Structure formats: structure tokens, C-alpha cells
C-alpha atoms as a PDB file:
ATOM      1  CA  MET A   1     -28.165 -48.194  14.452  1.00  0.00           C
ATOM      2  CA  PRO A   2     -27.016 -44.623  15.079  1.00  0.00           C
ATOM      3  CA  GLU A   3     -23.355 -44.623  16.115  1.00  0.00           C
ATOM      4  CA  LEU A   4     -21.479 -42.100  18.249  1.00  0.00           C
ATOM      5  CA  PRO A   5     -21.309 -39.292  15.620  1.00  0.00           C
ATOM      6  CA  GLU A   6     -25.058 -39.517  14.980  1.00  0.00           C
ATOM      7  CA  VAL A   7     -25.878 -39.535  18.701  1.00  0.00           C
ATOM      8  CA  GLU A   8     -23.516 -36.587  19.259  1.00  0.00           C
ATOM      9  CA  THR A   9     -25.342 -34.713  16.484  1.00  0.00           C
ATOM     10  CA  VAL A  10     -28.662 -35.402  18.222  1.00  0.00           C
ATOM     11  CA  ARG A  11     -27.182 -34.216  21.544  1.00  0.00           C
ATOM     12  CA  ARG A  12     -26.084 -30.926  20.037  1.00  0.00           C
ATOM     13  CA  GLY A  13     -29.469 -30.413  18.418  1.00  0.00           C
ATOM     14  CA  LEU A  14     -31.277 -31.094  21.689  1.00  0.00           C
ATOM     15  CA  ASN A  15     -29.094 -28.610  23.562  1.00  0.00           C
ATOM     16  CA  ARG A  16     -29.789 -26.019  20.917  1.00  0.00           C
ATOM     17  CA  LEU A  17     -33.552 -26.573  21.031  1.00  0.00           C
ATOM     18  CA  VAL A  18     -34.596 -27.629  24.535  1.00  0.00           C
ATOM     19  CA  LYS A  19     -31.814 -26.702  26.949  1.00  0.00           C
ATOM     20  CA  GLY A  20     -33.549 -24.689  29.683  1.00  0.00           C
ATOM     21  CA  ALA A  21     -37.038 -25.951  28.796  1.00  0.00           C
ATOM     22  CA  THR A  22     -39.364 -27.154  31.575  1.00  0.00           C
ATOM     23  CA  ILE A  23     -41.634 -30.227  31.444  1.00  0.00           C
ATOM     24  CA  ALA A  24     -45.341 -29.430  31.847  1.00  0.00           C
ATOM     25  CA  SER A  25     -46.674 -32.952  31.309  1.00  0.00           C
ATOM     26  CA  ILE A  26     -45.729 -36.237  29.643  1.00  0.00           C
ATOM     27  CA  GLU A  27     -47.644 -38.688  27.444  1.00  0.00           C
ATOM     28  CA  VAL A  28     -46.326 -42.242  27.232  1.00  0.00           C
ATOM     29  CA  ARG A  29     -48.046 -44.094  24.386  1.00  0.00           C
ATOM     30  CA  TRP A  30     -45.802 -47.174  24.442  1.00  0.00           C
ATOM     31  CA  PRO A  31     -44.960 -47.986  28.082  1.00  0.00           C
ATOM     32  CA  LYS A  32     -42.219 -50.543  27.267  1.00  0.00           C
ATOM     33  CA  ILE A  33     -39.930 -47.709  26.175  1.00  0.00           C
ATOM     34  CA  ILE A  34     -39.768 -46.589  29.825  1.00  0.00           C
ATOM     35  CA  ASN A  35     -37.655 -48.852  32.043  1.00  0.00           C
ATOM     36  CA  ASN A  36     -39.063 -47.253  35.204  1.00  0.00           C
ATOM     37  CA  ASP A  37     -42.584 -47.424  36.565  1.00  0.00           C
ATOM     38  CA  VAL A  38     -44.336 -45.136  34.059  1.00  0.00           C
ATOM     39  CA  ASP A  39     -46.398 -43.163  36.608  1.00  0.00           C
ATOM     40  CA  SER A  40     -43.311 -42.555  38.734  1.00  0.00           C
ATOM     41  CA  PHE A  41     -41.293 -41.570  35.639  1.00  0.00           C
ATOM     42  CA  LYS A  42     -43.882 -38.952  34.714  1.00  0.00           C
ATOM     43  CA  SER A  43     -44.488 -37.566  38.199  1.00  0.00           C
ATOM     44  CA  ARG A  44     -40.772 -37.162  38.919  1.00  0.00           C
ATOM     45  CA  LEU A  45     -40.111 -35.244  35.697  1.00  0.00           C
ATOM     46  CA  ILE A  46     -43.130 -32.921  35.623  1.00  0.00           C
ATOM     47  CA  GLY A  47     -41.963 -29.454  36.617  1.00  0.00           C
ATOM     48  CA  GLN A  48     -38.269 -30.274  36.047  1.00  0.00           C
ATOM     49  CA  THR A  49     -36.011 -28.279  33.732  1.00  0.00           C
ATOM     50  CA  ILE A  50     -33.662 -29.757  31.116  1.00  0.00           C
ATOM     51  CA  GLU A  51     -30.360 -28.251  32.264  1.00  0.00           C
ATOM     52  CA  ARG A  52     -28.366 -29.813  29.425  1.00  0.00           C
ATOM     53  CA  VAL A  53     -27.989 -33.016  27.406  1.00  0.00           C
ATOM     54  CA  ASP A  54     -24.741 -34.993  27.674  1.00  0.00           C
ATOM     55  CA  ARG A  55     -23.600 -38.144  25.887  1.00  0.00           C
ATOM     56  CA  ARG A  56     -21.696 -41.272  26.864  1.00  0.00           C
ATOM     57  CA  GLY A  57     -20.939 -43.608  23.961  1.00  0.00           C
ATOM     58  CA  LYS A  58     -24.257 -44.062  22.158  1.00  0.00           C
ATOM     59  CA  TYR A  59     -26.340 -42.992  25.177  1.00  0.00           C
ATOM     60  CA  LEU A  60     -27.969 -39.573  25.597  1.00  0.00           C
ATOM     61  CA  LEU A  61     -28.006 -38.239  29.165  1.00  0.00           C
ATOM     62  CA  PHE A  62     -30.728 -35.661  29.807  1.00  0.00           C
ATOM     63  CA  ARG A  63     -29.669 -33.715  32.912  1.00  0.00           C
ATOM     64  CA  PHE A  64     -32.752 -32.454  34.733  1.00  0.00           C
ATOM     65  CA  SER A  65     -33.030 -30.166  37.709  1.00  0.00           C
ATOM     66  CA  ASP A  66     -33.580 -31.804  41.107  1.00  0.00           C
ATOM     67  CA  GLY A  67     -30.631 -34.149  40.513  1.00  0.00           C
ATOM     68  CA  LEU A  68     -32.260 -36.394  37.905  1.00  0.00           C
ATOM     69  CA  THR A  69     -30.800 -37.904  34.716  1.00  0.00           C
ATOM     70  CA  MET A  70     -32.807 -39.584  31.962  1.00  0.00           C
ATOM     71  CA  ILE A  71     -30.699 -42.062  30.016  1.00  0.00           C
ATOM     72  CA  SER A  72     -31.976 -42.473  26.462  1.00  0.00           C
ATOM     73  CA  HIS A  73     -30.756 -45.129  24.036  1.00  0.00           C
ATOM     74  CA  LEU A  74     -32.031 -44.655  20.475  1.00  0.00           C
ATOM     75  CA  ARG A  75     -31.282 -48.237  19.398  1.00  0.00           C
ATOM     76  CA  MET A  76     -32.196 -48.789  15.719  1.00  0.00           C
ATOM     77  CA  GLU A  77     -34.692 -46.078  14.790  1.00  0.00           C
ATOM     78  CA  GLY A  78     -35.178 -43.722  17.743  1.00  0.00           C
ATOM     79  CA  LYS A  79     -35.458 -40.006  16.943  1.00  0.00           C
ATOM     80  CA  TYR A  80     -36.221 -36.784  18.786  1.00  0.00           C
ATOM     81  CA  ASN A  81     -38.022 -33.815  17.320  1.00  0.00           C
ATOM     82  CA  VAL A  82     -39.372 -30.501  18.618  1.00  0.00           C
ATOM     83  CA  VAL A  83     -42.662 -29.137  17.279  1.00  0.00           C
ATOM     84  CA  PRO A  84     -45.341 -26.590  18.272  1.00  0.00           C
ATOM     85  CA  ALA A  85     -47.630 -27.833  21.057  1.00  0.00           C
ATOM     86  CA  ASN A  86     -50.493 -30.188  20.209  1.00  0.00           C
ATOM     87  CA  GLU A  87     -49.446 -30.775  16.609  1.00  0.00           C
ATOM     88  CA  ASP A  88     -50.904 -34.026  15.247  1.00  0.00           C
ATOM     89  CA  GLN A  89     -48.508 -36.977  15.635  1.00  0.00           C
ATOM     90  CA  ASP A  90     -48.074 -40.142  13.614  1.00  0.00           C
ATOM     91  CA  LYS A  91     -48.434 -43.650  15.021  1.00  0.00           C
ATOM     92  CA  HIS A  92     -44.666 -43.961  15.671  1.00  0.00           C
ATOM     93  CA  THR A  93     -44.563 -41.119  18.227  1.00  0.00           C
ATOM     94  CA  HIS A  94     -44.443 -42.974  21.546  1.00  0.00           C
ATOM     95  CA  VAL A  95     -43.394 -40.413  24.163  1.00  0.00           C
ATOM     96  CA  ILE A  96     -44.353 -36.728  24.198  1.00  0.00           C
ATOM     97  CA  PHE A  97     -42.802 -34.257  26.617  1.00  0.00           C
ATOM     98  CA  HIS A  98     -45.129 -31.249  26.694  1.00  0.00           C
ATOM     99  CA  LEU A  99     -43.025 -28.177  27.491  1.00  0.00           C
ATOM    100  CA  THR A 100     -44.215 -25.068  29.325  1.00  0.00           C
ATOM    101  CA  ASP A 101     -43.289 -22.842  26.357  1.00  0.00           C
ATOM    102  CA  ASP A 102     -45.994 -24.309  24.095  1.00  0.00           C
ATOM    103  CA  ARG A 103     -43.705 -26.787  22.360  1.00  0.00           C
ATOM    104  CA  ASP A 104     -43.546 -30.580  22.409  1.00  0.00           C
ATOM    105  CA  LEU A 105     -40.405 -32.716  22.543  1.00  0.00           C
ATOM    106  CA  LEU A 106     -41.280 -35.916  20.693  1.00  0.00           C
ATOM    107  CA  TYR A 107     -39.708 -39.345  20.796  1.00  0.00           C
ATOM    108  CA  ASN A 108     -40.443 -41.279  17.612  1.00  0.00           C
ATOM    109  CA  ASP A 109     -39.379 -44.904  17.133  1.00  0.00           C
ATOM    110  CA  THR A 110     -40.563 -47.052  14.223  1.00  0.00           C
ATOM    111  CA  ARG A 111     -39.337 -50.314  15.770  1.00  0.00           C
ATOM    112  CA  LYS A 112     -39.999 -49.408  19.417  1.00  0.00           C
ATOM    113  CA  PHE A 113     -36.551 -50.682  20.449  1.00  0.00           C
ATOM    114  CA  GLY A 114     -35.374 -47.465  22.150  1.00  0.00           C
ATOM    115  CA  ARG A 115     -35.386 -47.204  25.948  1.00  0.00           C
ATOM    116  CA  MET A 116     -35.460 -44.435  28.592  1.00  0.00           C
ATOM    117  CA  THR A 117     -34.340 -44.862  32.197  1.00  0.00           C
ATOM    118  CA  LEU A 118     -34.604 -42.235  34.929  1.00  0.00           C
ATOM    119  CA  VAL A 119     -31.955 -42.357  37.671  1.00  0.00           C
ATOM    120  CA  PRO A 120     -30.500 -39.987  40.263  1.00  0.00           C
ATOM    121  CA  THR A 121     -27.635 -38.052  38.642  1.00  0.00           C
ATOM    122  CA  GLY A 122     -24.403 -39.847  39.448  1.00  0.00           C
ATOM    123  CA  GLU A 123     -25.962 -43.304  39.329  1.00  0.00           C
ATOM    124  CA  GLU A 124     -25.786 -43.735  35.539  1.00  0.00           C
ATOM    125  CA  VAL A 125     -23.275 -46.537  35.953  1.00  0.00           C
ATOM    126  CA  THR A 126     -25.975 -48.690  37.561  1.00  0.00           C
ATOM    127  CA  VAL A 127     -27.682 -48.980  34.155  1.00  0.00           C
ATOM    128  CA  ALA A 128     -26.771 -51.934  31.950  1.00  0.00           C
ATOM    129  CA  GLY A 129     -24.520 -50.813  29.111  1.00  0.00           C
ATOM    130  CA  LEU A 130     -23.135 -47.838  30.996  1.00  0.00           C
ATOM    131  CA  LYS A 131     -21.939 -50.096  33.782  1.00  0.00           C
ATOM    132  CA  THR A 132     -19.109 -51.530  31.674  1.00  0.00           C
ATOM    133  CA  ILE A 133     -18.681 -48.982  28.873  1.00  0.00           C
ATOM    134  CA  GLY A 134     -15.168 -48.338  27.567  1.00  0.00           C
ATOM    135  CA  PRO A 135     -13.334 -45.035  27.025  1.00  0.00           C
ATOM    136  CA  GLU A 136     -14.519 -42.444  24.515  1.00  0.00           C
ATOM    137  CA  PRO A 137     -12.637 -42.425  21.168  1.00  0.00           C
ATOM    138  CA  THR A 138     -10.882 -39.127  21.829  1.00  0.00           C
ATOM    139  CA  GLU A 139      -7.270 -37.958  22.170  1.00  0.00           C
ATOM    140  CA  ASN A 140      -7.553 -37.675  25.952  1.00  0.00           C
ATOM    141  CA  ASP A 141      -9.476 -40.865  26.717  1.00  0.00           C
ATOM    142  CA  LEU A 142      -8.251 -43.430  24.188  1.00  0.00           C
ATOM    143  CA  THR A 143      -4.560 -43.925  24.890  1.00  0.00           C
ATOM    144  CA  VAL A 144      -1.974 -46.036  23.073  1.00  0.00           C
ATOM    145  CA  ALA A 145      -1.150 -47.765  26.371  1.00  0.00           C
ATOM    146  CA  TYR A 146      -4.787 -48.744  26.888  1.00  0.00           C
ATOM    147  CA  LEU A 147      -5.195 -50.142  23.361  1.00  0.00           C
ATOM    148  CA  THR A 148      -1.897 -52.011  23.582  1.00  0.00           C
ATOM    149  CA  ASP A 149      -3.084 -53.613  26.811  1.00  0.00           C
ATOM    150  CA  ILE A 150      -6.538 -54.717  25.623  1.00  0.00           C
ATOM    151  CA  PHE A 151      -5.265 -55.912  22.232  1.00  0.00           C
ATOM    152  CA  SER A 152      -2.440 -57.949  23.737  1.00  0.00           C
ATOM    153  CA  GLN A 153      -4.939 -59.800  25.922  1.00  0.00           C
ATOM    154  CA  SER A 154      -7.343 -60.701  23.121  1.00  0.00           C
ATOM    155  CA  LYS A 155      -7.237 -63.248  20.324  1.00  0.00           C
ATOM    156  CA  LYS A 156     -10.597 -61.920  19.125  1.00  0.00           C
ATOM    157  CA  MET A 157     -10.696 -60.575  15.563  1.00  0.00           C
ATOM    158  CA  ILE A 158     -10.044 -56.860  15.514  1.00  0.00           C
ATOM    159  CA  LYS A 159     -13.393 -55.802  14.033  1.00  0.00           C
ATOM    160  CA  PRO A 160     -15.671 -57.386  16.671  1.00  0.00           C
ATOM    161  CA  LEU A 161     -13.308 -56.075  19.341  1.00  0.00           C
ATOM    162  CA  LEU A 162     -13.779 -52.539  17.993  1.00  0.00           C
ATOM    163  CA  LEU A 163     -17.549 -53.073  18.137  1.00  0.00           C
ATOM    164  CA  ASP A 164     -17.370 -54.171  21.778  1.00  0.00           C
ATOM    165  CA  GLN A 165     -18.709 -51.179  23.719  1.00  0.00           C
ATOM    166  CA  SER A 166     -16.996 -52.378  26.893  1.00  0.00           C
ATOM    167  CA  LYS A 167     -13.643 -51.882  25.136  1.00  0.00           C
ATOM    168  CA  ILE A 168     -14.228 -48.617  23.217  1.00  0.00           C
ATOM    169  CA  ALA A 169     -17.410 -46.543  23.418  1.00  0.00           C
ATOM    170  CA  GLY A 170     -19.422 -45.572  20.371  1.00  0.00           C
ATOM    171  CA  ILE A 171     -17.867 -47.415  17.420  1.00  0.00           C
ATOM    172  CA  GLY A 172     -20.382 -49.245  15.254  1.00  0.00           C
ATOM    173  CA  ASN A 173     -20.271 -51.191  12.011  1.00  0.00           C
ATOM    174  CA  ILE A 174     -19.729 -48.284   9.623  1.00  0.00           C
ATOM    175  CA  TYR A 175     -16.877 -46.635  11.464  1.00  0.00           C
ATOM    176  CA  ALA A 176     -15.166 -49.933  12.277  1.00  0.00           C
ATOM    177  CA  ASP A 177     -14.947 -50.676   8.545  1.00  0.00           C
ATOM    178  CA  GLU A 178     -13.751 -47.164   7.772  1.00  0.00           C
ATOM    179  CA  THR A 179     -11.045 -46.991  10.446  1.00  0.00           C
ATOM    180  CA  LEU A 180      -9.682 -50.432   9.541  1.00  0.00           C
ATOM    181  CA  TRP A 181      -9.445 -49.382   5.882  1.00  0.00           C
ATOM    182  CA  MET A 182      -7.706 -46.154   6.874  1.00  0.00           C
ATOM    183  CA  SER A 183      -5.243 -48.212   8.950  1.00  0.00           C
ATOM    184  CA  LYS A 184      -4.746 -50.938   6.284  1.00  0.00           C
ATOM    185  CA  ILE A 185      -5.715 -53.668   8.767  1.00  0.00           C
ATOM    186  CA  HIS A 186      -7.780 -56.698   7.766  1.00  0.00           C
ATOM    187  CA  PRO A 187     -10.990 -56.936   9.848  1.00  0.00           C
ATOM    188  CA  MET A 188     -10.277 -60.595  10.705  1.00  0.00           C
ATOM    189  CA  ARG A 189      -6.777 -60.004  12.078  1.00  0.00           C
ATOM    190  CA  PRO A 190      -6.471 -61.234  15.680  1.00  0.00           C
ATOM    191  CA  ALA A 191      -6.207 -58.153  17.898  1.00  0.00           C
ATOM    192  CA  SER A 192      -3.121 -59.591  19.583  1.00  0.00           C
ATOM    193  CA  SER A 193      -1.293 -59.734  16.220  1.00  0.00           C
ATOM    194  CA  LEU A 194      -1.228 -55.954  15.752  1.00  0.00           C
ATOM    195  CA  THR A 195       2.203 -54.383  16.036  1.00  0.00           C
ATOM    196  CA  ASP A 196       2.932 -51.310  18.145  1.00  0.00           C
ATOM    197  CA  ASP A 197       3.082 -49.182  14.994  1.00  0.00           C
ATOM    198  CA  GLU A 198      -0.252 -50.523  13.760  1.00  0.00           C
ATOM    199  CA  ILE A 199      -1.883 -49.745  17.100  1.00  0.00           C
ATOM    200  CA  VAL A 200      -0.649 -46.155  16.914  1.00  0.00           C
ATOM    201  CA  VAL A 201      -2.047 -45.780  13.386  1.00  0.00           C
ATOM    202  CA  LEU A 202      -5.381 -47.443  14.252  1.00  0.00           C
ATOM    203  CA  ARG A 203      -5.853 -45.267  17.333  1.00  0.00           C
ATOM    204  CA  GLN A 204      -5.319 -42.097  15.317  1.00  0.00           C
ATOM    205  CA  SER A 205      -7.634 -43.367  12.555  1.00  0.00           C
ATOM    206  CA  ILE A 206     -10.406 -43.966  15.099  1.00  0.00           C
ATOM    207  CA  ILE A 207     -10.006 -40.508  16.637  1.00  0.00           C
ATOM    208  CA  ASP A 208      -9.799 -38.739  13.268  1.00  0.00           C
ATOM    209  CA  GLU A 209     -12.718 -40.656  11.759  1.00  0.00           C
ATOM    210  CA  MET A 210     -15.029 -39.937  14.679  1.00  0.00           C
ATOM    211  CA  ALA A 211     -14.087 -36.257  14.688  1.00  0.00           C
ATOM    212  CA  MET A 212     -14.705 -35.941  10.940  1.00  0.00           C
ATOM    213  CA  ALA A 213     -18.018 -37.802  11.159  1.00  0.00           C
ATOM    214  CA  ILE A 214     -19.217 -35.535  13.973  1.00  0.00           C
ATOM    215  CA  LYS A 215     -18.228 -32.495  11.910  1.00  0.00           C
ATOM    216  CA  GLY A 216     -20.264 -33.954   9.011  1.00  0.00           C
ATOM    217  CA  HIS A 217     -23.290 -34.475  11.317  1.00  0.00           C
ATOM    218  CA  GLY A 218     -23.073 -38.250  11.050  1.00  0.00           C
ATOM    219  CA  THR A 219     -23.978 -40.739   8.374  1.00  0.00           C
ATOM    220  CA  THR A 220     -27.469 -41.302   7.012  1.00  0.00           C
ATOM    221  CA  VAL A 221     -28.312 -45.002   7.133  1.00  0.00           C
ATOM    222  CA  HIS A 222     -31.848 -46.146   6.348  1.00  0.00           C
ATOM    223  CA  SER A 223     -34.107 -43.521   7.927  1.00  0.00           C
ATOM    224  CA  PHE A 224     -31.769 -41.883  10.428  1.00  0.00           C
ATOM    225  CA  SER A 225     -31.997 -38.108  10.587  1.00  0.00           C
ATOM    226  CA  THR A 226     -31.670 -35.370  13.181  1.00  0.00           C
ATOM    227  CA  PHE A 227     -34.568 -32.962  13.564  1.00  0.00           C
ATOM    228  CA  GLY A 228     -35.576 -33.452   9.945  1.00  0.00           C
ATOM    229  CA  GLU A 229     -32.048 -33.042   8.562  1.00  0.00           C
ATOM    230  CA  THR A 230     -29.911 -35.905   7.323  1.00  0.00           C
ATOM    231  CA  GLY A 231     -26.180 -36.257   7.933  1.00  0.00           C
ATOM    232  CA  LYS A 232     -23.736 -35.744   5.087  1.00  0.00           C
ATOM    233  CA  PHE A 233     -20.830 -37.965   6.114  1.00  0.00           C
ATOM    234  CA  GLN A 234     -22.034 -40.866   3.936  1.00  0.00           C
ATOM    235  CA  ASN A 235     -20.515 -38.887   1.048  1.00  0.00           C
ATOM    236  CA  GLN A 236     -17.068 -39.314   2.637  1.00  0.00           C
ATOM    237  CA  LEU A 237     -17.161 -43.077   3.282  1.00  0.00           C
ATOM    238  CA  HIS A 238     -14.307 -44.973   1.627  1.00  0.00           C
ATOM    239  CA  VAL A 239     -15.386 -48.629   1.883  1.00  0.00           C
ATOM    240  CA  TYR A 240     -18.715 -49.008   3.682  1.00  0.00           C
ATOM    241  CA  GLY A 241     -21.398 -49.546   1.039  1.00  0.00           C
ATOM    242  CA  HIS A 242     -18.826 -49.525  -1.776  1.00  0.00           C
ATOM    243  CA  GLU A 243     -18.516 -53.257  -2.463  1.00  0.00           C
ATOM    244  CA  GLY A 244     -17.594 -53.934  -6.107  1.00  0.00           C
ATOM    245  CA  GLU A 245     -16.174 -50.425  -6.539  1.00  0.00           C
ATOM    246  CA  PRO A 246     -12.450 -49.595  -6.929  1.00  0.00           C
ATOM    247  CA  CYS A 247     -10.452 -48.861  -3.793  1.00  0.00           C
ATOM    248  CA  GLU A 248      -9.456 -45.191  -3.725  1.00  0.00           C
ATOM    249  CA  ARG A 249      -5.843 -46.088  -2.954  1.00  0.00           C
ATOM    250  CA  CYS A 250      -5.041 -49.048  -5.195  1.00  0.00           C
ATOM    251  CA  GLY A 251      -7.965 -49.629  -7.550  1.00  0.00           C
ATOM    252  CA  SER A 252      -8.705 -53.169  -6.317  1.00  0.00           C
ATOM    253  CA  LEU A 253     -12.417 -53.921  -5.978  1.00  0.00           C
ATOM    254  CA  ILE A 254     -13.838 -53.490  -2.475  1.00  0.00           C
ATOM    255  CA  GLU A 255     -15.199 -56.752  -1.089  1.00  0.00           C
ATOM    256  CA  LYS A 256     -17.971 -57.434   1.401  1.00  0.00           C
ATOM    257  CA  ILE A 257     -17.872 -60.416   3.762  1.00  0.00           C
ATOM    258  CA  LYS A 258     -19.439 -61.435   7.058  1.00  0.00           C
ATOM    259  CA  VAL A 259     -17.336 -60.970  10.189  1.00  0.00           C
ATOM    260  CA  ALA A 260     -18.974 -61.847  13.506  1.00  0.00           C
ATOM    261  CA  GLN A 261     -22.357 -61.807  11.726  1.00  0.00           C
ATOM    262  CA  ARG A 262     -21.842 -58.227  10.506  1.00  0.00           C
ATOM    263  CA  GLY A 263     -21.536 -57.115   6.897  1.00  0.00           C
ATOM    264  CA  THR A 264     -17.915 -56.008   6.519  1.00  0.00           C
ATOM    265  CA  HIS A 265     -16.264 -53.989   3.749  1.00  0.00           C
ATOM    266  CA  PHE A 266     -12.526 -54.013   3.027  1.00  0.00           C
ATOM    267  CA  CYS A 267      -9.892 -53.816   0.304  1.00  0.00           C
ATOM    268  CA  PRO A 268      -8.331 -57.255  -0.313  1.00  0.00           C
ATOM    269  CA  HIS A 269      -5.068 -55.693  -1.532  1.00  0.00           C
ATOM    270  CA  GLU A 270      -4.570 -52.919   1.047  1.00  0.00           C
ATOM    271  CA  GLN A 271      -5.905 -54.961   3.991  1.00  0.00           C
ATOM    272  CA  GLN A 272      -4.311 -58.370   3.742  1.00  0.00           C
ATOM    273  CA  LEU A 273      -4.897 -61.117   6.289  1.00  0.00           C
END
């Protein structure tokens, strides 16, 4: 599943390509992707202009004129692309936004898991997922005091807590493994067992890792790409996907285990339980 850096890369690409574009018509080839009544969804957006695209966690927020916001969750395989109008599309293109400038904004989704929801701007928090989403992993939003509070109240293992979007927005499996390795914290440590110093280090690791991954345009996993280009950050991963290889810090072999049903990579020497 695309994580925050990948979704942020998509957001930036969309702003570069379709910010200011106006919807002429819409084709919905797989109605289940639209959480609204499909006819209403189309009629409300035709003639509206994409003023900008924002992001909250792993959600894209298309800001349209007339006070409308389309919330788009890519889930496992969702992708956007922009092509000349009326270009032939493959069977995985499920929503087509025909633009007035003779281009098409395509939504392609191999597994059909992605969803779009149209709401009045300002009512995004009424949508499941955004209703309870945690702070963004940034210097301003993710404070030491906040992490200290949520960790002290939880006996949950630290990795699944990091994956909990209601606690911190945007962290997925890859970046949880990476930040825990950077912080020398075992993924099965109870969150409440972390010391004040460890919390400070983990917070900074999360912020730094997300910033670096965004700069590298995200990580390519399976078929994820942005507008035909793949991210490069997979070349900078330290533990994810490196099981059986030497740890960069100590030379011990990276191990892979299951934690909360998720494949988890760590160094048994640097990250002791």
C-alpha cells in the first residue's frame, strides 16, 4: 500500500499537472469506487475547477470550486495519470475525468480497492478514517509530549502502534521498520516501556525518515509508480527487504518475523527485546 511519502509524491504531481483544470464530464466504469450516489457525484463535479490537491495522512483531498472536496484513498494499487483526451484505456482504468483542455485525468486500480468520496469542504472529518486520524509526522505536529502520552497509555507493541493511523498519520509497514531500526528499538517492545530518551530519538527518526522518503519520491513496492515514474527511496532502505543481509551498523544478519500479522525486518543485535 502506498504510504505517506508515496501519496505526497502523487499530490505534488497532481498539483503540477491538473491544478486549475476544469471537469467537462466524468466516466465511472466501476461504480463501487465512488462512495456517493454516482449520478450525483458526476453532476456535482461537472463544471468545477480543481483549485488544488491537499493530503491528510494517506488520503488525497481534491479541492474543487463551489466548496467541494473529493477524498481519494489509493488503497493497494490506485494510481492517477494524465493523458491526451480520448486515448485508449486498459481494463484497469475505472474513473475518467474528462478535462476542458482536451486532457483526461485517469484513475487506474488493478484491485479496485480505492475509494472516492465527495463532501462539502470542511466536512472531511465525517469520513471514516479521517474522523480519527492522528497528527502528521512533522516537526510541528508530532510532539514529544504527545508521543510520551500515547506511549505511556499503551501496552501494545511499538510497531503496530506506529501503524495505527489514529495515533500517527501516514506510517506504513516499510517506514515503521526503518524508523525502528534507526532508533535501535525492537518492533515487539511494549510502547509503554520506551524511555524518555528513546521517545525523543524515535520521534526524530520518524520525522527524518518521512522527509527523506518524500525527497526521494517514495518507495517502489510491487507496481506503485507516480505518473509513469517510480520512486527511488527503495535504494536507501536499511532493513526492509534486506532479510539475510548484514546490518549496516554491526554486520549481524537482518531477520524477518511476523509482528501483528505484518512482515517485520530488524537487526537482532542492534534492536534487542
